[in-house]
Protein backbone atom coordinates (compact mmCIF):
# COMPACT_ATOMS: atom_id res chain seq x y z
CA MET A 1 -33.12 51.91 29.84
CA THR A 2 -36.52 50.04 30.21
CA ASP A 3 -37.21 48.16 33.77
CA LYS A 4 -38.31 45.20 31.36
CA LEU A 5 -35.00 45.03 29.46
CA ALA A 6 -33.20 45.53 32.78
CA LYS A 7 -34.97 42.58 34.69
CA GLU A 8 -34.41 40.64 31.73
CA ARG A 9 -30.32 41.55 31.77
CA ARG A 10 -30.22 40.72 35.36
CA GLU A 11 -31.95 37.52 34.75
CA GLY A 12 -29.95 36.73 31.99
CA GLN A 13 -26.60 37.14 34.17
CA LEU A 14 -27.71 35.19 36.93
CA ALA A 15 -28.56 32.36 34.39
CA GLN A 16 -25.21 32.48 32.80
CA GLN A 17 -24.03 32.34 36.39
CA ILE A 18 -25.33 28.94 36.91
CA LYS A 19 -24.29 27.96 33.62
CA ASP A 20 -20.59 28.46 33.95
CA ASN A 21 -20.54 26.88 37.22
CA PRO A 22 -19.45 23.46 36.33
CA ILE A 23 -21.60 21.78 39.13
CA TYR A 24 -24.43 23.05 37.02
CA SER A 25 -23.20 21.07 33.46
CA HIS A 26 -22.08 18.17 36.18
CA ALA A 27 -25.47 17.85 37.89
CA PHE A 28 -27.58 17.39 34.83
CA GLU A 29 -24.93 15.22 33.40
CA THR A 30 -25.61 12.81 36.22
CA ILE A 31 -29.14 12.85 36.70
CA GLN A 32 -29.62 12.10 32.85
CA LYS A 33 -27.05 9.28 33.40
CA ASN A 34 -29.08 7.98 36.20
CA LEU A 35 -32.49 8.25 34.43
CA ARG A 36 -30.76 6.55 31.24
CA GLU A 37 -29.18 3.55 33.49
CA PHE A 38 -32.92 3.28 35.11
CA MET A 39 -35.02 3.07 32.31
CA GLU A 40 -31.99 0.28 30.06
CA ASP A 41 -32.44 -1.55 33.52
CA PRO A 42 -34.93 -4.35 32.72
CA LYS A 43 -36.16 -4.74 36.62
CA HIS A 44 -38.21 -1.87 36.60
CA SER A 45 -41.81 -1.76 35.12
CA ASP A 46 -43.18 0.01 32.55
CA GLU A 47 -44.66 2.35 34.68
CA GLN A 48 -41.36 3.53 36.06
CA THR A 49 -39.56 3.47 33.08
CA ILE A 50 -42.04 5.83 31.26
CA GLU A 51 -42.03 7.79 34.53
CA ALA A 52 -38.17 8.26 34.93
CA LYS A 53 -38.73 9.20 30.64
CA ARG A 54 -40.76 11.90 31.62
CA MET A 55 -38.70 13.25 34.24
CA LEU A 56 -35.49 12.71 31.64
CA VAL A 57 -37.62 15.16 29.41
CA VAL A 58 -38.49 17.85 32.22
CA SER A 59 -34.73 17.89 33.12
CA LYS A 60 -33.82 18.51 29.46
CA ARG A 61 -36.59 21.37 29.21
CA PHE A 62 -35.59 22.58 32.18
CA ARG A 63 -32.16 23.50 30.93
CA LYS A 64 -33.48 24.48 27.93
CA VAL A 65 -35.50 27.47 29.84
CA LEU A 66 -32.50 28.18 31.59
CA GLU A 67 -30.06 28.71 28.70
CA THR A 68 -33.34 30.64 26.79
CA VAL A 69 -33.45 33.05 30.12
CA MET A 70 -29.68 33.60 29.53
CA ASP A 71 -30.13 34.38 25.72
CA THR A 72 -32.80 36.92 26.38
CA GLY A 73 -30.42 38.09 29.12
CA LYS A 74 -27.75 38.99 26.44
CA MET A 75 -30.30 40.22 23.72
CA ALA A 76 -31.61 42.99 26.57
CA GLU A 77 -28.07 43.68 27.09
CA ARG A 78 -27.28 44.15 23.61
CA GLN A 79 -30.29 46.79 23.72
CA ILE A 80 -29.25 48.54 26.61
CA LEU A 81 -25.96 49.18 24.84
CA ASP A 82 -27.29 49.97 21.94
CA THR A 83 -29.87 52.18 23.27
CA GLN A 84 -27.11 54.09 25.29
CA LYS A 85 -25.00 54.43 22.21
CA GLN A 86 -27.53 55.94 20.44
CA SER A 87 -28.22 58.34 23.34
CA LYS A 88 -24.53 59.63 23.52
CA VAL A 89 -24.45 60.15 19.48
CA ARG A 90 -27.99 62.49 20.55
CA GLN A 91 -26.00 64.02 22.83
CA MET A 92 -22.99 64.79 20.52
CA PHE A 93 -25.00 65.97 17.73
CA GLY A 94 -27.66 67.88 19.76
CA ARG A 95 -30.44 65.75 18.93
């Protein structure tokens, strides 16, 4: 197992723990709901609305990055398992 794969697997597992936590989903949903409500309120200036839109985009990007780290960890886990299986087969057949 390479250090890079092990690191990716650990990071993916940590990202999965965060994603599985109900507070994670609740927090993102609340942030995005509040930003949308802010943008729809006509009392805010155009600059404030644009800034809220930027924040909404950033929150979506952050969530996507976290999910990408999680997926990368899953792929690393599969590669590690495949390498371990190949190693066992080689040992069984003396290669």
